[in-house]
């Protein structure tokens, strides 16, 4: 598979319906949310597994080129630190185990259960073999989209996997380095915590389920965009995509913050406004001028009665969902702001 040379063509994911401990505990709307989110998780993990498998069978240079590239939110270096074979082995191992849980081929058959939860949890794993879905899971589905809910499922399925580098750690600790992360009790949850672990504490990142969950859903979105547009997933070796720090502003803005066509990054809005030109680049420019802006979404003309489109600026980057009327983008961590 020529990941760099053109859009990646992967075999379609098999149909794997979710398994429920008791459907009577779910409302009809909750059952639909669980089924749609599960299907997206199946597709995303399948594609990540296919990519990892093909890279594993290829030369080391191909794995390093894939891992350390500087384009896109999906790049492994952002979530797990610079490439080495141990980190690649961790990623392949966790993705394989998550797939086994999704597909029902693991030693324990995993099922979904409706649960009243505490501490604002969206879901949790207390009993091995059960993902307990809480109110916040369904709120996330309703407010931020199915892709955000799918990330929660991948997160929960990433627990309890033994990784070997560093030996031997379970991916269930949310272990916080010093200083602590921003989640409850100083534990590591969310995109910013996960990327800080990848940048500064890669051994902690290897044991943090959110790092795997964000990587998987971001890679699935990037593969979809590559297929739909015919673009490269990332520039091939020698194209200047590796080595330069993410905040190197001498590179073109279009490379620093690539546009994501047919993509909506829901949630996190703090400001929105009509545009005077029907160009998503104008929305990106406004985001780059505002030090608070972490991501943006441009809505096509006519959606809200404005002939030139609408722009939403976001203080956090949620996982991407598909929307033919939207174009989005994410400002990479470490880019100096504001950029004028």
Protein backbone atom coordinates (compact mmCIF):
# COMPACT_ATOMS: atom_id res chain seq x y z
CA UNK A 1 0.00 0.00 0.00
CA UNK A 2 1.60 3.26 -1.11
CA UNK A 3 0.41 5.40 1.75
CA UNK A 4 2.53 8.37 0.76
CA UNK A 5 2.22 8.03 -2.99
CA UNK A 6 -1.55 8.24 -3.18
CA UNK A 7 -4.85 7.61 -1.43
CA UNK A 8 -4.76 4.47 0.65
CA UNK A 9 -7.10 1.73 -0.61
CA UNK A 10 -7.98 -0.65 2.17
CA UNK A 11 -10.34 -3.58 2.22
CA UNK A 12 -13.77 -2.70 3.60
CA UNK A 13 -14.22 -3.42 7.29
CA UNK A 14 -16.35 -6.48 8.06
CA UNK A 15 -19.78 -5.92 9.55
CA UNK A 16 -19.56 -6.50 13.29
CA UNK A 17 -22.78 -5.56 15.12
CA UNK A 18 -22.55 -4.53 18.78
CA UNK A 19 -23.41 -6.98 21.51
CA UNK A 20 -25.64 -5.81 24.38
CA UNK A 21 -25.85 -7.14 27.90
CA UNK A 22 -29.55 -6.20 27.96
CA UNK A 23 -31.20 -4.04 25.30
CA UNK A 24 -34.13 -3.35 27.65
CA UNK A 25 -31.88 -0.94 29.57
CA UNK A 26 -31.54 1.33 26.50
CA UNK A 27 -34.10 3.68 24.98
CA UNK A 28 -34.64 3.29 21.20
CA UNK A 29 -32.58 6.46 20.61
CA UNK A 30 -29.78 5.17 22.82
CA UNK A 31 -29.71 1.85 20.99
CA UNK A 32 -29.34 3.70 17.68
CA UNK A 33 -26.56 5.88 19.09
CA UNK A 34 -24.71 2.84 20.39
CA UNK A 35 -25.04 0.97 17.08
CA UNK A 36 -23.87 3.90 14.93
CA UNK A 37 -20.94 4.69 17.22
CA UNK A 38 -19.93 1.02 17.37
CA UNK A 39 -19.96 0.79 13.55
CA UNK A 40 -17.67 3.82 13.28
CA UNK A 41 -15.33 2.36 15.90
CA UNK A 42 -15.20 -0.93 13.97
CA UNK A 43 -14.31 0.86 10.73
CA UNK A 44 -11.67 3.08 12.34
CA UNK A 45 -9.92 0.27 14.24
CA UNK A 46 -10.04 -2.03 11.20
CA UNK A 47 -8.33 0.59 9.04
CA UNK A 48 -5.69 1.33 11.68
CA UNK A 49 -5.02 -2.41 11.96
CA UNK A 50 -4.69 -2.76 8.19
CA UNK A 51 -2.26 0.15 8.02
CA UNK A 52 -0.17 -1.19 10.91
CA UNK A 53 -0.09 -4.67 9.40
CA UNK A 54 1.11 -3.45 6.01
CA UNK A 55 3.73 -1.21 7.56
CA UNK A 56 4.96 -4.06 9.76
CA UNK A 57 5.59 -6.21 6.70
CA UNK A 58 7.51 -3.42 4.94
CA UNK A 59 10.94 -1.86 5.50
CA UNK A 60 11.78 0.01 8.68
CA UNK A 61 12.25 3.25 6.71
CA UNK A 62 8.59 3.14 5.65
CA UNK A 63 7.43 2.80 9.26
CA UNK A 64 9.64 5.69 10.34
CA UNK A 65 8.48 7.88 7.45
CA UNK A 66 4.83 7.18 8.30
CA UNK A 67 5.37 7.74 12.02
CA UNK A 68 7.47 10.93 12.06
CA UNK A 69 5.77 12.91 9.29
CA UNK A 70 4.66 16.47 10.11
CA UNK A 71 1.29 16.69 8.36
CA UNK A 72 -2.06 16.14 10.04
CA UNK A 73 -3.50 15.47 13.48
CA UNK A 74 -3.29 11.69 13.00
CA UNK A 75 0.54 11.49 12.86
CA UNK A 76 1.81 8.98 15.45
CA UNK A 77 4.69 11.22 16.55
CA UNK A 78 2.13 13.62 18.03
CA UNK A 79 0.59 10.91 20.20
CA UNK A 80 3.51 8.59 21.06
CA UNK A 81 6.78 10.48 20.55
CA UNK A 82 9.47 9.97 17.93
CA UNK A 83 9.62 6.65 16.10
CA UNK A 84 11.29 3.57 17.40
CA UNK A 85 10.39 -0.07 16.86
CA UNK A 86 9.22 -0.53 20.45
CA UNK A 87 6.65 2.24 20.11
CA UNK A 88 5.45 0.86 16.79
CA UNK A 89 5.13 -2.57 18.41
CA UNK A 90 3.04 -1.08 21.24
CA UNK A 91 0.70 0.60 18.74
CA UNK A 92 0.28 -2.55 16.65
CA UNK A 93 -0.29 -4.66 19.77
CA UNK A 94 -2.96 -2.39 21.26
CA UNK A 95 -4.80 -2.01 17.94
CA UNK A 96 -4.81 -5.79 17.47
CA UNK A 97 -6.26 -6.33 20.96
CA UNK A 98 -8.90 -3.65 20.47
CA UNK A 99 -9.91 -5.26 17.19
CA UNK A 100 -10.21 -8.66 18.87
CA UNK A 101 -12.55 -7.15 21.47
CA UNK A 102 -14.67 -5.41 18.82
CA UNK A 103 -14.88 -8.43 16.56
CA UNK A 104 -15.71 -10.89 19.34
CA UNK A 105 -12.56 -12.98 18.82
CA UNK A 106 -10.96 -12.17 22.18
CA UNK A 107 -11.08 -14.61 25.08
CA UNK A 108 -13.83 -12.50 26.67
CA UNK A 109 -16.86 -11.46 24.62
CA UNK A 110 -17.31 -7.73 25.16
CA UNK A 111 -20.81 -6.28 25.49
CA UNK A 112 -22.39 -2.86 25.96
CA UNK A 113 -24.38 -2.13 29.11
CA UNK A 114 -26.42 0.94 30.06
CA UNK A 115 -25.31 2.34 33.38
CA UNK A 116 -26.02 5.27 35.69
CA UNK A 117 -22.55 6.67 36.36
CA UNK A 118 -20.85 9.16 38.65
CA UNK A 119 -18.00 11.66 38.28
CA UNK A 120 -19.19 12.83 34.85
CA UNK A 121 -17.88 9.67 33.19
CA UNK A 122 -18.99 9.00 29.62
CA UNK A 123 -18.23 5.28 29.92
CA UNK A 124 -16.11 2.96 31.98
CA UNK A 125 -14.89 -0.60 32.32
CA UNK A 126 -15.45 -2.05 35.77
CA UNK A 127 -16.29 -5.65 34.86
CA UNK A 128 -14.04 -7.19 32.23
CA UNK A 129 -16.18 -7.85 29.18
CA UNK A 130 -18.52 -4.88 29.67
CA UNK A 131 -18.37 -1.29 28.46
CA UNK A 132 -20.80 0.58 30.65
CA UNK A 133 -22.27 3.54 28.78
CA UNK A 134 -23.28 6.56 30.85
CA UNK A 135 -25.46 9.60 30.25
CA UNK A 136 -22.47 11.61 29.04
CA UNK A 137 -21.83 9.09 26.27
CA UNK A 138 -25.23 9.81 24.77
CA UNK A 139 -24.85 13.54 25.37
CA UNK A 140 -21.56 13.37 23.45
CA UNK A 141 -23.26 11.52 20.60
CA UNK A 142 -26.06 14.08 20.42
CA UNK A 143 -23.93 17.22 20.79
CA UNK A 144 -20.57 16.30 19.25
CA UNK A 145 -21.43 13.52 16.81
CA UNK A 146 -21.00 9.79 16.34
CA UNK A 147 -17.24 10.02 15.73
CA UNK A 148 -16.72 11.55 19.18
CA UNK A 149 -18.77 8.74 20.72
CA UNK A 150 -16.78 6.16 18.72
CA UNK A 151 -13.59 7.57 20.22
CA UNK A 152 -15.00 6.86 23.68
CA UNK A 153 -15.58 3.21 22.73
CA UNK A 154 -12.04 2.84 21.37
CA UNK A 155 -10.73 4.42 24.57
CA UNK A 156 -12.56 1.89 26.77
CA UNK A 157 -11.48 -1.06 24.61
CA UNK A 158 -7.87 0.13 24.84
CA UNK A 159 -7.81 -0.61 28.57
CA UNK A 160 -6.17 -3.72 30.02
CA UNK A 161 -3.71 -4.39 27.18
CA UNK A 162 -0.21 -5.41 28.19
CA UNK A 163 2.45 -3.44 26.30
CA UNK A 164 6.10 -4.35 26.24
CA UNK A 165 7.90 -1.02 25.89
CA UNK A 166 8.51 -0.08 28.67
CA UNK A 167 7.98 -3.59 30.09
CA UNK A 168 5.40 -4.57 31.21
CA UNK A 169 2.67 -1.96 31.61
CA UNK A 170 -1.12 -2.18 31.31
CA UNK A 171 -2.97 0.46 29.29
CA UNK A 172 -5.34 1.34 32.09
CA UNK A 173 -3.54 3.71 34.38
CA UNK A 174 -4.16 7.22 32.99
CA UNK A 175 -0.87 7.67 34.81
CA UNK A 176 -0.08 11.33 35.32
CA UNK A 177 3.46 12.66 35.14
CA UNK A 178 4.59 15.69 37.10
CA UNK A 179 3.04 18.21 36.69
CA UNK A 180 -0.28 16.36 36.64
CA UNK A 181 -2.70 16.36 33.74
CA UNK A 182 -5.96 18.32 33.57
CA UNK A 183 -8.45 15.47 34.06
CA UNK A 184 -10.16 14.47 37.31
CA UNK A 185 -7.63 13.90 40.13
CA UNK A 186 -4.85 15.08 37.83
CA UNK A 187 -5.29 12.10 35.50
CA UNK A 188 -4.77 12.27 31.74
CA UNK A 189 -7.86 12.67 29.58
CA UNK A 190 -8.54 14.58 26.38
CA UNK A 191 -6.59 15.68 23.32
CA UNK A 192 -4.34 18.25 24.99
CA UNK A 193 -3.26 15.88 27.77
CA UNK A 194 -2.68 13.07 25.28
CA UNK A 195 -0.54 15.22 23.01
CA UNK A 196 1.46 16.57 25.95
CA UNK A 197 2.21 12.99 26.97
CA UNK A 198 3.26 12.16 23.43
CA UNK A 199 5.54 15.19 23.29
CA UNK A 200 7.08 15.15 26.76
CA UNK A 201 6.35 11.75 28.35
CA UNK A 202 6.16 9.09 25.61
CA UNK A 203 6.42 6.21 28.10
CA UNK A 204 3.28 7.52 29.81
CA UNK A 205 1.62 8.01 26.42
CA UNK A 206 2.16 4.32 25.68
CA UNK A 207 -0.03 3.42 28.67
CA UNK A 208 -2.77 6.04 28.13
CA UNK A 209 -5.94 4.82 26.36
CA UNK A 210 -6.85 8.27 25.02
CA UNK A 211 -3.62 8.41 23.00
CA UNK A 212 -4.65 5.28 21.09
CA UNK A 213 -8.27 6.42 20.76
CA UNK A 214 -7.43 9.83 19.29
CA UNK A 215 -4.85 8.37 16.93
CA UNK A 216 -7.29 5.76 15.58
CA UNK A 217 -10.16 8.15 14.86
CA UNK A 218 -7.90 10.86 13.41
CA UNK A 219 -6.22 8.33 11.10
CA UNK A 220 -9.63 7.10 9.90
CA UNK A 221 -10.65 10.66 9.02
CA UNK A 222 -7.37 11.33 7.20
CA UNK A 223 -7.72 8.12 5.18
CA UNK A 224 -11.28 9.08 4.20
CA UNK A 225 -10.15 12.53 3.03
CA UNK A 226 -7.28 10.99 1.05
CA UNK A 227 -9.67 8.62 -0.70
CA UNK A 228 -12.26 11.28 -1.47
CA UNK A 229 -9.82 13.90 -2.76
CA UNK A 230 -7.14 11.69 -4.33
CA UNK A 231 -4.56 13.49 -2.20
CA UNK A 232 -1.57 11.94 -0.50
CA UNK A 233 -2.05 10.88 3.09
CA UNK A 234 1.32 12.52 3.75
CA UNK A 235 4.18 13.75 1.54
CA UNK A 236 6.63 11.08 0.51
CA UNK A 237 10.20 11.05 1.81
CA UNK A 238 12.14 14.08 0.68
CA UNK A 239 9.05 16.29 0.50
CA UNK A 240 9.98 18.28 3.57
CA UNK A 241 7.39 16.73 5.86
CA UNK A 242 9.81 15.32 8.42
CA UNK A 243 12.28 16.83 10.79
CA UNK A 244 11.09 20.45 11.00
CA UNK A 245 9.37 21.32 14.25
CA UNK A 246 5.59 21.63 14.13
CA UNK A 247 5.77 25.36 14.85
CA UNK A 248 8.19 26.20 12.02
CA UNK A 249 6.31 29.15 10.55
CA UNK A 250 8.52 29.47 7.45
CA UNK A 251 6.48 26.67 5.92
CA UNK A 252 3.31 27.59 3.99
CA UNK A 253 0.18 28.02 6.08
CA UNK A 254 -1.59 25.46 3.88
CA UNK A 255 0.95 22.87 5.00
CA UNK A 256 0.95 23.96 8.64
CA UNK A 257 -2.84 23.84 8.90
CA UNK A 258 -4.20 21.75 6.02
CA UNK A 259 -7.89 22.04 5.17
CA UNK A 260 -10.07 18.99 5.81
CA UNK A 261 -12.81 18.88 3.15
CA UNK A 262 -16.21 17.33 3.95
CA UNK A 263 -15.30 17.42 7.63
CA UNK A 264 -17.06 18.96 10.63
CA UNK A 265 -15.25 19.29 13.96
CA UNK A 266 -18.21 19.78 16.23
CA UNK A 267 -18.21 21.21 19.76
CA UNK A 268 -15.79 23.63 21.37
CA UNK A 269 -17.25 26.74 19.69
CA UNK A 270 -16.51 30.09 21.34
CA UNK A 271 -17.12 32.49 18.41
CA UNK A 272 -18.86 32.32 15.05
CA UNK A 273 -19.56 34.83 12.31
CA UNK A 274 -20.53 35.28 8.65
CA UNK A 275 -17.73 35.58 6.10
CA UNK A 276 -17.39 38.15 3.35
CA UNK A 277 -15.85 35.67 0.92
CA UNK A 278 -16.93 32.09 0.26
CA UNK A 279 -13.48 30.62 1.01
CA UNK A 280 -12.63 28.29 3.91
CA UNK A 281 -9.14 29.81 3.93
CA UNK A 282 -10.68 32.98 5.38
CA UNK A 283 -12.00 31.00 8.33
CA UNK A 284 -8.56 29.44 8.81
CA UNK A 285 -6.93 32.90 8.70
CA UNK A 286 -9.23 34.15 11.45
CA UNK A 287 -8.36 31.14 13.59
CA UNK A 288 -4.65 31.70 13.16
CA UNK A 289 -5.00 35.35 14.22
CA UNK A 290 -6.66 34.34 17.48
CA UNK A 291 -4.42 32.77 20.11
CA UNK A 292 -7.42 31.04 21.70
CA UNK A 293 -8.40 29.18 18.52
CA UNK A 294 -7.45 25.50 18.38
CA UNK A 295 -9.64 24.44 15.44
CA UNK A 296 -12.22 25.82 13.02
CA UNK A 297 -15.09 24.74 10.81
CA UNK A 298 -16.31 26.55 7.70
CA UNK A 299 -19.95 26.11 6.65
CA UNK A 300 -20.75 26.36 2.95
CA UNK A 301 -22.77 29.33 1.57
CA UNK A 302 -26.49 29.15 2.12
CA UNK A 303 -26.47 27.01 5.26
CA UNK A 304 -27.42 29.96 7.43
CA UNK A 305 -28.70 32.35 4.79
CA UNK A 306 -25.31 33.95 4.26
CA UNK A 307 -24.13 33.81 0.62
CA UNK A 308 -20.45 33.69 1.63
CA UNK A 309 -20.46 30.99 4.28
CA UNK A 310 -20.07 30.89 8.04
CA UNK A 311 -17.07 30.33 10.31
CA UNK A 312 -16.88 28.70 13.75
CA UNK A 313 -13.76 29.13 15.88
CA UNK A 314 -13.15 26.45 18.51
CA UNK A 315 -11.16 26.41 21.72
CA UNK A 316 -10.64 22.66 21.47
CA UNK A 317 -10.36 20.22 18.60
CA UNK A 318 -12.93 17.45 18.76
CA UNK A 319 -12.71 14.34 16.61
CA UNK A 320 -13.83 14.89 13.01
CA UNK A 321 -17.19 13.88 11.60
CA UNK A 322 -18.32 13.69 7.96
CA UNK A 323 -20.32 16.64 6.58
CA UNK A 324 -20.36 17.44 2.86
CA UNK A 325 -21.15 21.10 3.62
CA UNK A 326 -18.20 21.75 5.93
CA UNK A 327 -14.45 22.21 5.78
CA UNK A 328 -12.38 22.13 8.95
CA UNK A 329 -8.85 22.31 10.25
CA UNK A 330 -6.80 21.97 13.42
CA UNK A 331 -3.96 24.23 14.55
CA UNK A 332 -1.06 21.97 15.54
CA UNK A 333 0.14 22.12 19.12
CA UNK A 334 3.25 24.27 19.49
CA UNK A 335 2.50 26.64 16.60
CA UNK A 336 3.34 30.20 17.72
CA UNK A 337 0.20 32.29 18.13
CA UNK A 338 -1.25 34.52 16.93
CA UNK A 339 0.02 33.94 13.40
CA UNK A 340 -0.60 36.92 11.13
